[in-house]
Amino acid sequence: MGSTADKVSGKANELTGKAKQAVGDATGSHKLQAKGAAQEAKGDTQQAKGNAKDVVKKAVGK
């Protein structure tokens, strides 16, 4: 996966995770809150991976 794809997937997971957490908060579902937090963290990691790929590409000069 390229850096842009990682960033886009990461942002999508982050936003979906936040939405799940909000629904979990509204319904009192601790399970949904936890799933949302995990998905948000996954998204943050994917975005960081994409950013790291950009840094490497710039350092290598590609």
N, C-alpha and C. Protein backbone atom coordinates (compact mmCIF):
# COMPACT_ATOMS: atom_id res chain seq x y z
N MET A 1 0.85 -1.18 0.00
CA MET A 1 0.00 0.00 0.00
C MET A 1 0.89 1.23 0.00
N GLY A 2 0.56 2.21 -0.82
CA GLY A 2 1.33 3.44 -0.88
C GLY A 2 1.03 4.36 0.28
N SER A 3 1.81 5.41 0.38
CA SER A 3 1.64 6.33 1.50
C SER A 3 0.28 7.02 1.48
N THR A 4 -0.19 7.40 0.29
CA THR A 4 -1.50 8.06 0.21
C THR A 4 -2.61 7.09 0.60
N ALA A 5 -2.51 5.85 0.13
CA ALA A 5 -3.53 4.85 0.47
C ALA A 5 -3.55 4.59 1.97
N ASP A 6 -2.36 4.53 2.57
CA ASP A 6 -2.29 4.33 4.03
C ASP A 6 -2.97 5.49 4.76
N LYS A 7 -2.70 6.70 4.29
CA LYS A 7 -3.28 7.88 4.95
C LYS A 7 -4.81 7.90 4.81
N VAL A 8 -5.29 7.57 3.61
CA VAL A 8 -6.74 7.57 3.38
C VAL A 8 -7.42 6.48 4.21
N SER A 9 -6.86 5.28 4.18
CA SER A 9 -7.42 4.18 4.98
C SER A 9 -7.37 4.51 6.46
N GLY A 10 -6.27 5.11 6.86
CA GLY A 10 -6.12 5.49 8.26
C GLY A 10 -7.17 6.50 8.69
N LYS A 11 -7.39 7.50 7.86
CA LYS A 11 -8.39 8.52 8.20
C LYS A 11 -9.78 7.91 8.26
N ALA A 12 -10.07 7.00 7.31
CA ALA A 12 -11.38 6.34 7.31
C ALA A 12 -11.57 5.52 8.58
N ASN A 13 -10.54 4.77 8.98
CA ASN A 13 -10.64 3.99 10.20
C ASN A 13 -10.77 4.88 11.42
N GLU A 14 -10.04 5.98 11.43
CA GLU A 14 -10.12 6.92 12.56
C GLU A 14 -11.54 7.47 12.70
N LEU A 15 -12.11 7.92 11.59
CA LEU A 15 -13.45 8.50 11.63
C LEU A 15 -14.51 7.45 11.99
N THR A 16 -14.39 6.25 11.45
CA THR A 16 -15.33 5.18 11.77
C THR A 16 -15.22 4.81 13.25
N GLY A 17 -14.00 4.76 13.75
CA GLY A 17 -13.79 4.46 15.16
C GLY A 17 -14.41 5.51 16.07
N LYS A 18 -14.25 6.77 15.69
CA LYS A 18 -14.86 7.84 16.49
C LYS A 18 -16.38 7.74 16.48
N ALA A 19 -16.93 7.39 15.31
CA ALA A 19 -18.39 7.24 15.21
C ALA A 19 -18.87 6.09 16.08
N LYS A 20 -18.16 4.97 16.05
CA LYS A 20 -18.53 3.82 16.89
C LYS A 20 -18.49 4.20 18.36
N GLN A 21 -17.46 4.95 18.74
CA GLN A 21 -17.37 5.37 20.14
C GLN A 21 -18.55 6.25 20.53
N ALA A 22 -18.93 7.15 19.64
CA ALA A 22 -20.06 8.05 19.92
C ALA A 22 -21.35 7.25 20.08
N VAL A 23 -21.56 6.28 19.20
CA VAL A 23 -22.76 5.44 19.30
C VAL A 23 -22.71 4.63 20.59
N GLY A 24 -21.53 4.11 20.90
CA GLY A 24 -21.36 3.35 22.14
C GLY A 24 -21.65 4.20 23.36
N ASP A 25 -21.19 5.45 23.34
CA ASP A 25 -21.48 6.38 24.44
C ASP A 25 -22.98 6.63 24.56
N ALA A 26 -23.61 6.85 23.42
CA ALA A 26 -25.04 7.18 23.42
C ALA A 26 -25.90 6.00 23.87
N THR A 27 -25.48 4.80 23.55
CA THR A 27 -26.27 3.61 23.89
C THR A 27 -25.79 2.92 25.16
N GLY A 28 -24.67 3.38 25.70
CA GLY A 28 -24.12 2.75 26.90
C GLY A 28 -23.43 1.43 26.61
N SER A 29 -23.04 1.22 25.35
CA SER A 29 -22.38 -0.03 24.96
C SER A 29 -20.86 0.12 25.13
N HIS A 30 -20.34 -0.48 26.20
CA HIS A 30 -18.90 -0.43 26.44
C HIS A 30 -18.15 -1.23 25.37
N LYS A 31 -18.77 -2.28 24.87
CA LYS A 31 -18.14 -3.10 23.83
C LYS A 31 -17.95 -2.27 22.56
N LEU A 32 -18.96 -1.52 22.16
CA LEU A 32 -18.86 -0.70 20.96
C LEU A 32 -17.87 0.45 21.17
N GLN A 33 -17.83 1.00 22.37
CA GLN A 33 -16.86 2.04 22.68
C GLN A 33 -15.44 1.50 22.51
N ALA A 34 -15.20 0.30 23.02
CA ALA A 34 -13.87 -0.31 22.93
C ALA A 34 -13.50 -0.63 21.49
N LYS A 35 -14.46 -1.15 20.72
CA LYS A 35 -14.19 -1.44 19.32
C LYS A 35 -13.87 -0.15 18.56
N GLY A 36 -14.59 0.90 18.87
CA GLY A 36 -14.34 2.20 18.24
C GLY A 36 -12.96 2.75 18.58
N ALA A 37 -12.58 2.63 19.84
CA ALA A 37 -11.26 3.11 20.26
C ALA A 37 -10.16 2.32 19.56
N ALA A 38 -10.34 1.01 19.43
CA ALA A 38 -9.35 0.18 18.75
C ALA A 38 -9.25 0.55 17.28
N GLN A 39 -10.38 0.78 16.64
CA GLN A 39 -10.38 1.14 15.22
C GLN A 39 -9.75 2.52 15.02
N GLU A 40 -10.02 3.43 15.93
CA GLU A 40 -9.41 4.76 15.84
C GLU A 40 -7.90 4.66 15.97
N ALA A 41 -7.42 3.84 16.90
CA ALA A 41 -5.99 3.65 17.08
C ALA A 41 -5.36 3.03 15.83
N LYS A 42 -6.07 2.08 15.22
CA LYS A 42 -5.59 1.47 13.98
C LYS A 42 -5.44 2.55 12.90
N GLY A 43 -6.41 3.43 12.82
CA GLY A 43 -6.37 4.51 11.85
C GLY A 43 -5.20 5.45 12.08
N ASP A 44 -4.95 5.77 13.33
CA ASP A 44 -3.83 6.64 13.67
C ASP A 44 -2.51 5.99 13.24
N THR A 45 -2.40 4.67 13.46
CA THR A 45 -1.20 3.94 13.09
C THR A 45 -1.02 3.93 11.57
N GLN A 46 -2.11 3.70 10.84
CA GLN A 46 -2.03 3.70 9.38
C GLN A 46 -1.59 5.06 8.85
N GLN A 47 -2.12 6.12 9.42
CA GLN A 47 -1.73 7.46 8.99
C GLN A 47 -0.25 7.72 9.28
N ALA A 48 0.21 7.29 10.43
CA ALA A 48 1.62 7.45 10.78
C ALA A 48 2.50 6.67 9.82
N LYS A 49 2.06 5.48 9.43
CA LYS A 49 2.80 4.66 8.48
C LYS A 49 2.91 5.39 7.14
N GLY A 50 1.81 5.98 6.68
CA GLY A 50 1.83 6.74 5.44
C GLY A 50 2.76 7.94 5.51
N ASN A 51 2.74 8.62 6.64
CA ASN A 51 3.64 9.76 6.82
C ASN A 51 5.10 9.32 6.83
N ALA A 52 5.38 8.19 7.45
CA ALA A 52 6.73 7.67 7.50
C ALA A 52 7.22 7.29 6.10
N LYS A 53 6.33 6.72 5.30
CA LYS A 53 6.70 6.39 3.92
C LYS A 53 7.05 7.64 3.13
N ASP A 54 6.30 8.71 3.36
CA ASP A 54 6.62 9.98 2.69
C ASP A 54 7.99 10.49 3.07
N VAL A 55 8.32 10.40 4.35
CA VAL A 55 9.63 10.86 4.82
C VAL A 55 10.74 10.05 4.18
N VAL A 56 10.56 8.74 4.10
CA VAL A 56 11.57 7.87 3.49
C VAL A 56 11.72 8.20 2.01
N LYS A 57 10.60 8.38 1.32
CA LYS A 57 10.67 8.72 -0.11
C LYS A 57 11.44 10.02 -0.33
N LYS A 58 11.18 11.00 0.51
CA LYS A 58 11.87 12.29 0.38
C LYS A 58 13.36 12.14 0.68
N ALA A 59 13.70 11.34 1.68
CA ALA A 59 15.09 11.14 2.05
C ALA A 59 15.87 10.40 0.97
N VAL A 60 15.19 9.47 0.30
CA VAL A 60 15.84 8.69 -0.74
C VAL A 60 15.86 9.47 -2.06
N GLY A 61 14.98 10.44 -2.15
CA GLY A 61 14.95 11.28 -3.35
C GLY A 61 14.08 10.76 -4.46
N LYS A 62 13.09 9.97 -4.10
CA LYS A 62 12.18 9.44 -5.12
C LYS A 62 10.95 10.28 -5.24
